[in-house]
Amino acid sequence: MTDGRLSRLRRRLEAAVRERLENLRWWYALRIGGAPRCGECGDEAAWIAETEGEPRCFKHIPSEGMEAIRDVRPADCFTDWSEDHGDA
């Protein structure tokens, strides 16, 4: 094998391992922590509203639009969102 082929093979193998580890992180987060729930209706959240600091579903995008949200991350599955935004 040439150096180029070995290099490509190594990159593909590293990418496959990274993808498997990321899939494992998501599996663990969703199985153990559970998906975050929308702060408005209680449905499964797809995003975190940065301005409100709470999960949101597809139906409840913040008024600031798509710029004010980010995708849910595995760590969000373990966050207690009820403590983050109290009745202050």
PDB file of N, CA and C in Angstrom:
ATOM      1  N   MET A   1       0.840  -1.189   0.000  1.00  0.00           N
ATOM      2  CA  MET A   1       0.000   0.000   0.000  1.00  0.00           C
ATOM      3  C   MET A   1       0.880   1.246   0.000  1.00  0.00           C
ATOM      4  N   THR A   2       0.397   2.257  -0.641  1.00  0.00           N
ATOM      5  CA  THR A   2       1.140   3.508  -0.677  1.00  0.00           C
ATOM      6  C   THR A   2       0.805   4.336   0.552  1.00  0.00           C
ATOM      7  N   ASP A   3       1.628   5.360   0.777  1.00  0.00           N
ATOM      8  CA  ASP A   3       1.386   6.243   1.922  1.00  0.00           C
ATOM      9  C   ASP A   3       0.050   6.956   1.806  1.00  0.00           C
ATOM     10  N   GLY A   4      -0.331   7.330   0.596  1.00  0.00           N
ATOM     11  CA  GLY A   4      -1.610   8.008   0.387  1.00  0.00           C
ATOM     12  C   GLY A   4      -2.798   7.126   0.747  1.00  0.00           C
ATOM     13  N   ARG A   5      -2.725   5.872   0.346  1.00  0.00           N
ATOM     14  CA  ARG A   5      -3.820   4.940   0.659  1.00  0.00           C
ATOM     15  C   ARG A   5      -3.894   4.686   2.160  1.00  0.00           C
ATOM     16  N   LEU A   6      -2.730   4.528   2.804  1.00  0.00           N
ATOM     17  CA  LEU A   6      -2.725   4.312   4.252  1.00  0.00           C
ATOM     18  C   LEU A   6      -3.265   5.526   4.993  1.00  0.00           C
ATOM     19  N   SER A   7      -2.907   6.694   4.510  1.00  0.00           N
ATOM     20  CA  SER A   7      -3.389   7.925   5.137  1.00  0.00           C
ATOM     21  C   SER A   7      -4.905   8.050   5.013  1.00  0.00           C
ATOM     22  N   ARG A   8      -5.435   7.767   3.825  1.00  0.00           N
ATOM     23  CA  ARG A   8      -6.891   7.818   3.622  1.00  0.00           C
ATOM     24  C   ARG A   8      -7.603   6.776   4.471  1.00  0.00           C
ATOM     25  N   LEU A   9      -7.035   5.597   4.537  1.00  0.00           N
ATOM     26  CA  LEU A   9      -7.618   4.531   5.347  1.00  0.00           C
ATOM     27  C   LEU A   9      -7.638   4.926   6.825  1.00  0.00           C
ATOM     28  N   ARG A  10      -6.550   5.511   7.291  1.00  0.00           N
ATOM     29  CA  ARG A  10      -6.477   5.944   8.690  1.00  0.00           C
ATOM     30  C   ARG A  10      -7.492   7.045   8.972  1.00  0.00           C
ATOM     31  N   ARG A  11      -7.641   8.012   8.066  1.00  0.00           N
ATOM     32  CA  ARG A  11      -8.625   9.092   8.245  1.00  0.00           C
ATOM     33  C   ARG A  11     -10.043   8.543   8.285  1.00  0.00           C
ATOM     34  N   ARG A  12     -10.338   7.601   7.392  1.00  0.00           N
ATOM     35  CA  ARG A  12     -11.678   6.999   7.382  1.00  0.00           C
ATOM     36  C   ARG A  12     -11.944   6.219   8.660  1.00  0.00           C
ATOM     37  N   LEU A  13     -10.942   5.494   9.128  1.00  0.00           N
ATOM     38  CA  LEU A  13     -11.083   4.732  10.364  1.00  0.00           C
ATOM     39  C   LEU A  13     -11.287   5.666  11.561  1.00  0.00           C
ATOM     40  N   GLU A  14     -10.512   6.746  11.631  1.00  0.00           N
ATOM     41  CA  GLU A  14     -10.670   7.720  12.716  1.00  0.00           C
ATOM     42  C   GLU A  14     -12.050   8.365  12.682  1.00  0.00           C
ATOM     43  N   ALA A  15     -12.532   8.698  11.493  1.00  0.00           N
ATOM     44  CA  ALA A  15     -13.864   9.298  11.367  1.00  0.00           C
ATOM     45  C   ALA A  15     -14.942   8.311  11.803  1.00  0.00           C
ATOM     46  N   ALA A  16     -14.789   7.056  11.448  1.00  0.00           N
ATOM     47  CA  ALA A  16     -15.770   6.041  11.846  1.00  0.00           C
ATOM     48  C   ALA A  16     -15.785   5.856  13.360  1.00  0.00           C
ATOM     49  N   VAL A  17     -14.622   5.866  13.979  1.00  0.00           N
ATOM     50  CA  VAL A  17     -14.549   5.733  15.442  1.00  0.00           C
ATOM     51  C   VAL A  17     -15.180   6.945  16.111  1.00  0.00           C
ATOM     52  N   ARG A  18     -14.895   8.151  15.608  1.00  0.00           N
ATOM     53  CA  ARG A  18     -15.502   9.369  16.173  1.00  0.00           C
ATOM     54  C   ARG A  18     -17.019   9.324  16.064  1.00  0.00           C
ATOM     55  N   GLU A  19     -17.516   8.884  14.903  1.00  0.00           N
ATOM     56  CA  GLU A  19     -18.963   8.801  14.703  1.00  0.00           C
ATOM     57  C   GLU A  19     -19.588   7.788  15.660  1.00  0.00           C
ATOM     58  N   ARG A  20     -18.940   6.646  15.841  1.00  0.00           N
ATOM     59  CA  ARG A  20     -19.465   5.636  16.775  1.00  0.00           C
ATOM     60  C   ARG A  20     -19.486   6.169  18.202  1.00  0.00           C
ATOM     61  N   LEU A  21     -18.443   6.888  18.607  1.00  0.00           N
ATOM     62  CA  LEU A  21     -18.406   7.454  19.958  1.00  0.00           C
ATOM     63  C   LEU A  21     -19.490   8.508  20.148  1.00  0.00           C
ATOM     64  N   GLU A  22     -19.721   9.335  19.144  1.00  0.00           N
ATOM     65  CA  GLU A  22     -20.776  10.346  19.229  1.00  0.00           C
ATOM     66  C   GLU A  22     -22.148   9.678  19.305  1.00  0.00           C
ATOM     67  N   ASN A  23     -22.357   8.639  18.509  1.00  0.00           N
ATOM     68  CA  ASN A  23     -23.619   7.899  18.579  1.00  0.00           C
ATOM     69  C   ASN A  23     -23.809   7.261  19.948  1.00  0.00           C
ATOM     70  N   LEU A  24     -22.740   6.755  20.536  1.00  0.00           N
ATOM     71  CA  LEU A  24     -22.811   6.176  21.874  1.00  0.00           C
ATOM     72  C   LEU A  24     -23.152   7.243  22.914  1.00  0.00           C
ATOM     73  N   ARG A  25     -22.570   8.431  22.787  1.00  0.00           N
ATOM     74  CA  ARG A  25     -22.893   9.534  23.701  1.00  0.00           C
ATOM     75  C   ARG A  25     -24.372   9.876  23.632  1.00  0.00           C
ATOM     76  N   TRP A  26     -24.919   9.968  22.413  1.00  0.00           N
ATOM     77  CA  TRP A  26     -26.339  10.277  22.257  1.00  0.00           C
ATOM     78  C   TRP A  26     -27.210   9.167  22.812  1.00  0.00           C
ATOM     79  N   TRP A  27     -26.858   7.914  22.543  1.00  0.00           N
ATOM     80  CA  TRP A  27     -27.639   6.792  23.048  1.00  0.00           C
ATOM     81  C   TRP A  27     -27.691   6.839  24.566  1.00  0.00           C
ATOM     82  N   TYR A  28     -26.533   7.021  25.197  1.00  0.00           N
ATOM     83  CA  TYR A  28     -26.471   7.080  26.658  1.00  0.00           C
ATOM     84  C   TYR A  28     -27.279   8.261  27.189  1.00  0.00           C
ATOM     85  N   ALA A  29     -27.111   9.426  26.581  1.00  0.00           N
ATOM     86  CA  ALA A  29     -27.814  10.626  27.050  1.00  0.00           C
ATOM     87  C   ALA A  29     -29.326  10.459  26.953  1.00  0.00           C
ATOM     88  N   LEU A  30     -29.815   9.919  25.856  1.00  0.00           N
ATOM     89  CA  LEU A  30     -31.257   9.771  25.680  1.00  0.00           C
ATOM     90  C   LEU A  30     -31.831   8.641  26.532  1.00  0.00           C
ATOM     91  N   ARG A  31     -31.071   7.560  26.711  1.00  0.00           N
ATOM     92  CA  ARG A  31     -31.556   6.440  27.523  1.00  0.00           C
ATOM     93  C   ARG A  31     -31.538   6.765  29.011  1.00  0.00           C
ATOM     94  N   ILE A  32     -30.481   7.381  29.471  1.00  0.00           N
ATOM     95  CA  ILE A  32     -30.316   7.632  30.906  1.00  0.00           C
ATOM     96  C   ILE A  32     -30.917   8.976  31.303  1.00  0.00           C
ATOM     97  N   GLY A  33     -30.596  10.022  30.561  1.00  0.00           N
ATOM     98  CA  GLY A  33     -31.066  11.358  30.919  1.00  0.00           C
ATOM     99  C   GLY A  33     -32.442  11.687  30.378  1.00  0.00           C
ATOM    100  N   GLY A  34     -32.781  11.137  29.245  1.00  0.00           N
ATOM    101  CA  GLY A  34     -34.054  11.457  28.602  1.00  0.00           C
ATOM    102  C   GLY A  34     -33.955  12.741  27.806  1.00  0.00           C
ATOM    103  N   ALA A  35     -34.795  12.851  26.811  1.00  0.00           N
ATOM    104  CA  ALA A  35     -34.797  14.047  25.964  1.00  0.00           C
ATOM    105  C   ALA A  35     -35.368  15.223  26.745  1.00  0.00           C
ATOM    106  N   PRO A  36     -34.803  16.421  26.567  1.00  0.00           N
ATOM    107  CA  PRO A  36     -35.377  17.599  27.232  1.00  0.00           C
ATOM    108  C   PRO A  36     -36.794  17.852  26.735  1.00  0.00           C
ATOM    109  N   ARG A  37     -37.612  18.452  27.559  1.00  0.00           N
ATOM    110  CA  ARG A  37     -39.006  18.760  27.222  1.00  0.00           C
ATOM    111  C   ARG A  37     -39.170  20.246  26.975  1.00  0.00           C
ATOM    112  N   CYS A  38     -40.024  20.584  26.020  1.00  0.00           N
ATOM    113  CA  CYS A  38     -40.296  21.974  25.660  1.00  0.00           C
ATOM    114  C   CYS A  38     -40.806  22.731  26.881  1.00  0.00           C
ATOM    115  N   GLY A  39     -40.284  23.937  27.081  1.00  0.00           N
ATOM    116  CA  GLY A  39     -40.713  24.773  28.191  1.00  0.00           C
ATOM    117  C   GLY A  39     -42.110  25.328  28.021  1.00  0.00           C
ATOM    118  N   GLU A  40     -42.654  25.280  26.814  1.00  0.00           N
ATOM    119  CA  GLU A  40     -43.989  25.811  26.538  1.00  0.00           C
ATOM    120  C   GLU A  40     -45.075  24.744  26.642  1.00  0.00           C
ATOM    121  N   CYS A  41     -44.859  23.600  25.981  1.00  0.00           N
ATOM    122  CA  CYS A  41     -45.939  22.603  25.894  1.00  0.00           C
ATOM    123  C   CYS A  41     -45.588  21.239  26.471  1.00  0.00           C
ATOM    124  N   GLY A  42     -44.317  20.973  26.733  1.00  0.00           N
ATOM    125  CA  GLY A  42     -43.928  19.688  27.293  1.00  0.00           C
ATOM    126  C   GLY A  42     -43.579  18.620  26.278  1.00  0.00           C
ATOM    127  N   ASP A  43     -43.666  18.944  24.974  1.00  0.00           N
ATOM    128  CA  ASP A  43     -43.260  17.984  23.946  1.00  0.00           C
ATOM    129  C   ASP A  43     -41.740  17.834  23.960  1.00  0.00           C
ATOM    130  N   GLU A  44     -41.246  16.837  23.229  1.00  0.00           N
ATOM    131  CA  GLU A  44     -39.809  16.628  23.135  1.00  0.00           C
ATOM    132  C   GLU A  44     -39.153  17.818  22.446  1.00  0.00           C
ATOM    133  N   ALA A  45     -38.091  18.335  23.036  1.00  0.00           N
ATOM    134  CA  ALA A  45     -37.432  19.535  22.514  1.00  0.00           C
ATOM    135  C   ALA A  45     -36.435  19.183  21.416  1.00  0.00           C
ATOM    136  N   ALA A  46     -36.333  20.071  20.446  1.00  0.00           N
ATOM    137  CA  ALA A  46     -35.366  19.927  19.366  1.00  0.00           C
ATOM    138  C   ALA A  46     -34.241  20.942  19.505  1.00  0.00           C
ATOM    139  N   TRP A  47     -34.524  22.057  20.183  1.00  0.00           N
ATOM    140  CA  TRP A  47     -33.560  23.144  20.320  1.00  0.00           C
ATOM    141  C   TRP A  47     -33.549  23.658  21.747  1.00  0.00           C
ATOM    142  N   ILE A  48     -32.518  24.442  22.021  1.00  0.00           N
ATOM    143  CA  ILE A  48     -32.438  25.183  23.274  1.00  0.00           C
ATOM    144  C   ILE A  48     -32.524  26.656  22.900  1.00  0.00           C
ATOM    145  N   ALA A  49     -33.517  27.354  23.457  1.00  0.00           N
ATOM    146  CA  ALA A  49     -33.654  28.791  23.215  1.00  0.00           C
ATOM    147  C   ALA A  49     -32.616  29.499  24.076  1.00  0.00           C
ATOM    148  N   GLU A  50     -31.624  30.088  23.445  1.00  0.00           N
ATOM    149  CA  GLU A  50     -30.535  30.743  24.166  1.00  0.00           C
ATOM    150  C   GLU A  50     -31.029  31.926  24.985  1.00  0.00           C
ATOM    151  N   THR A  51     -31.967  32.703  24.449  1.00  0.00           N
ATOM    152  CA  THR A  51     -32.426  33.901  25.157  1.00  0.00           C
ATOM    153  C   THR A  51     -33.265  33.551  26.375  1.00  0.00           C
ATOM    154  N   GLU A  52     -34.107  32.528  26.276  1.00  0.00           N
ATOM    155  CA  GLU A  52     -34.936  32.123  27.405  1.00  0.00           C
ATOM    156  C   GLU A  52     -34.236  31.112  28.301  1.00  0.00           C
ATOM    157  N   GLY A  53     -33.218  30.454  27.779  1.00  0.00           N
ATOM    158  CA  GLY A  53     -32.509  29.443  28.550  1.00  0.00           C
ATOM    159  C   GLY A  53     -33.358  28.223  28.852  1.00  0.00           C
ATOM    160  N   GLU A  54     -34.165  27.804  27.876  1.00  0.00           N
ATOM    161  CA  GLU A  54     -35.007  26.631  28.078  1.00  0.00           C
ATOM    162  C   GLU A  54     -35.180  25.876  26.769  1.00  0.00           C
ATOM    163  N   PRO A  55     -35.508  24.581  26.852  1.00  0.00           N
ATOM    164  CA  PRO A  55     -35.730  23.786  25.641  1.00  0.00           C
ATOM    165  C   PRO A  55     -36.998  24.225  24.919  1.00  0.00           C
ATOM    166  N   ARG A  56     -37.001  24.050  23.609  1.00  0.00           N
ATOM    167  CA  ARG A  56     -38.166  24.381  22.780  1.00  0.00           C
ATOM    168  C   ARG A  56     -38.370  23.294  21.739  1.00  0.00           C
ATOM    169  N   CYS A  57     -39.630  23.047  21.389  1.00  0.00           N
ATOM    170  CA  CYS A  57     -39.964  22.079  20.346  1.00  0.00           C
ATOM    171  C   CYS A  57     -40.076  22.815  19.004  1.00  0.00           C
ATOM    172  N   PHE A  58     -40.431  22.089  17.972  1.00  0.00           N
ATOM    173  CA  PHE A  58     -40.549  22.681  16.638  1.00  0.00           C
ATOM    174  C   PHE A  58     -41.641  23.743  16.573  1.00  0.00           C
ATOM    175  N   LYS A  59     -42.668  23.625  17.407  1.00  0.00           N
ATOM    176  CA  LYS A  59     -43.800  24.556  17.372  1.00  0.00           C
ATOM    177  C   LYS A  59     -43.523  25.866  18.100  1.00  0.00           C
ATOM    178  N   HIS A  60     -42.525  25.901  18.971  1.00  0.00           N
ATOM    179  CA  HIS A  60     -42.312  27.076  19.820  1.00  0.00           C
ATOM    180  C   HIS A  60     -40.914  27.671  19.646  1.00  0.00           C
ATOM    181  N   ILE A  61     -40.654  28.164  18.458  1.00  0.00           N
ATOM    182  CA  ILE A  61     -39.391  28.854  18.188  1.00  0.00           C
ATOM    183  C   ILE A  61     -39.488  30.235  18.828  1.00  0.00           C
ATOM    184  N   PRO A  62     -38.441  30.711  19.501  1.00  0.00           N
ATOM    185  CA  PRO A  62     -38.510  32.032  20.135  1.00  0.00           C
ATOM    186  C   PRO A  62     -38.777  33.140  19.122  1.00  0.00           C
ATOM    187  N   SER A  63     -39.284  34.248  19.606  1.00  0.00           N
ATOM    188  CA  SER A  63     -39.624  35.368  18.722  1.00  0.00           C
ATOM    189  C   SER A  63     -38.399  35.939  18.012  1.00  0.00           C
ATOM    190  N   GLU A  64     -37.209  35.724  18.573  1.00  0.00           N
ATOM    191  CA  GLU A  64     -35.977  36.210  17.933  1.00  0.00           C
ATOM    192  C   GLU A  64     -35.624  35.403  16.692  1.00  0.00           C
ATOM    193  N   GLY A  65     -36.259  34.270  16.496  1.00  0.00           N
ATOM    194  CA  GLY A  65     -36.026  33.460  15.307  1.00  0.00           C
ATOM    195  C   GLY A  65     -34.937  32.420  15.486  1.00  0.00           C
ATOM    196  N   MET A  66     -34.493  31.888  14.368  1.00  0.00           N
ATOM    197  CA  MET A  66     -33.536  30.791  14.360  1.00  0.00           C
ATOM    198  C   MET A  66     -32.161  31.189  14.892  1.00  0.00           C
ATOM    199  N   GLU A  67     -31.847  32.474  14.911  1.00  0.00           N
ATOM    200  CA  GLU A  67     -30.547  32.915  15.413  1.00  0.00           C
ATOM    201  C   GLU A  67     -30.452  32.760  16.928  1.00  0.00           C
ATOM    202  N   ALA A  68     -31.592  32.658  17.606  1.00  0.00           N
ATOM    203  CA  ALA A  68     -31.615  32.617  19.069  1.00  0.00           C
ATOM    204  C   ALA A  68     -31.675  31.196  19.623  1.00  0.00           C
ATOM    205  N   ILE A  69     -31.505  30.191  18.758  1.00  0.00           N
ATOM    206  CA  ILE A  69     -31.583  28.811  19.231  1.00  0.00           C
ATOM    207  C   ILE A  69     -30.321  28.049  18.856  1.00  0.00           C
ATOM    208  N   ARG A  70     -30.104  26.948  19.552  1.00  0.00           N
ATOM    209  CA  ARG A  70     -29.023  26.025  19.204  1.00  0.00           C
ATOM    210  C   ARG A  70     -29.574  24.612  19.313  1.00  0.00           C
ATOM    211  N   ASP A  71     -28.916  23.681  18.664  1.00  0.00           N
ATOM    212  CA  ASP A  71     -29.343  22.285  18.714  1.00  0.00           C
ATOM    213  C   ASP A  71     -29.147  21.720  20.116  1.00  0.00           C
ATOM    214  N   VAL A  72     -29.967  20.741  20.452  1.00  0.00           N
ATOM    215  CA  VAL A  72     -29.811  20.029  21.716  1.00  0.00           C
ATOM    216  C   VAL A  72     -28.517  19.231  21.662  1.00  0.00           C
ATOM    217  N   ARG A  73     -27.786  19.240  22.757  1.00  0.00           N
ATOM    218  CA  ARG A  73     -26.543  18.476  22.884  1.00  0.00           C
ATOM    219  C   ARG A  73     -26.760  17.367  23.904  1.00  0.00           C
ATOM    220  N   PRO A  74     -25.928  16.319  23.883  1.00  0.00           N
ATOM    221  CA  PRO A  74     -26.110  15.241  24.863  1.00  0.00           C
ATOM    222  C   PRO A  74     -26.126  15.734  26.314  1.00  0.00           C
ATOM    223  N   ALA A  75     -25.326  16.723  26.646  1.00  0.00           N
ATOM    224  CA  ALA A  75     -25.298  17.233  28.026  1.00  0.00           C
ATOM    225  C   ALA A  75     -26.634  17.849  28.429  1.00  0.00           C
ATOM    226  N   ASP A  76     -27.403  18.349  27.467  1.00  0.00           N
ATOM    227  CA  ASP A  76     -28.708  18.946  27.772  1.00  0.00           C
ATOM    228  C   ASP A  76     -29.697  17.915  28.302  1.00  0.00           C
ATOM    229  N   CYS A  77     -29.466  16.645  28.000  1.00  0.00           N
ATOM    230  CA  CYS A  77     -30.366  15.588  28.471  1.00  0.00           C
ATOM    231  C   CYS A  77     -30.269  15.400  29.982  1.00  0.00           C
ATOM    232  N   PHE A  78     -29.187  15.872  30.586  1.00  0.00           N
ATOM    233  CA  PHE A  78     -28.989  15.718  32.024  1.00  0.00           C
ATOM    234  C   PHE A  78     -29.216  17.012  32.794  1.00  0.00           C
ATOM    235  N   THR A  79     -29.611  18.080  32.117  1.00  0.00           N
ATOM    236  CA  THR A  79     -29.842  19.371  32.764  1.00  0.00           C
ATOM    237  C   THR A  79     -31.236  19.408  33.362  1.00  0.00           C
ATOM    238  N   ASP A  80     -31.346  19.911  34.600  1.00  0.00           N
ATOM    239  CA  ASP A  80     -32.656  20.092  35.227  1.00  0.00           C
ATOM    240  C   ASP A  80     -33.144  21.479  34.834  1.00  0.00           C
ATOM    241  N   TRP A  81     -33.935  21.553  33.775  1.00  0.00           N
ATOM    242  CA  TRP A  81     -34.366  22.834  33.225  1.00  0.00           C
ATOM    243  C   TRP A  81     -35.331  23.562  34.145  1.00  0.00           C
ATOM    244  N   SER A  82     -36.010  22.856  35.029  1.00  0.00           N
ATOM    245  CA  SER A  82     -36.952  23.525  35.936  1.00  0.00           C
ATOM    246  C   SER A  82     -36.226  24.406  36.941  1.00  0.00           C
ATOM    247  N   GLU A  83     -34.976  24.096  37.288  1.00  0.00           N
ATOM    248  CA  GLU A  83     -34.201  24.914  38.216  1.00  0.00           C
ATOM    249  C   GLU A  83     -33.603  26.135  37.539  1.00  0.00           C
ATOM    250  N   ASP A  84     -33.350  26.051  36.235  1.00  0.00           N
ATOM    251  CA  ASP A  84     -32.649  27.119  35.531  1.00  0.00           C
ATOM    252  C   ASP A  84     -33.470  28.387  35.370  1.00  0.00           C
ATOM    253  N   HIS A  85     -34.780  28.279  35.311  1.00  0.00           N
ATOM    254  CA  HIS A  85     -35.598  29.474  35.116  1.00  0.00           C
ATOM    255  C   HIS A  85     -36.766  29.446  36.101  1.00  0.00           C
ATOM    256  N   GLY A  86     -36.490  29.918  37.302  1.00  0.00           N
ATOM    257  CA  GLY A  86     -37.511  29.921  38.341  1.00  0.00           C
ATOM    258  C   GLY A  86     -38.494  31.059  38.153  1.00  0.00           C
ATOM    259  N   ASP A  87     -39.449  31.198  39.071  1.00  0.00           N
ATOM    260  CA  ASP A  87     -40.459  32.248  39.003  1.00  0.00           C
ATOM    261  C   ASP A  87     -39.954  33.517  39.669  1.00  0.00           C
ATOM    262  N   ALA A  88     -38.914  34.092  39.155  1.00  0.00           N
ATOM    263  CA  ALA A  88     -38.315  35.288  39.761  1.00  0.00           C
ATOM    264  C   ALA A  88     -38.969  36.548  39.264  1.00  0.00           C
TER     265      ALA A  88
END
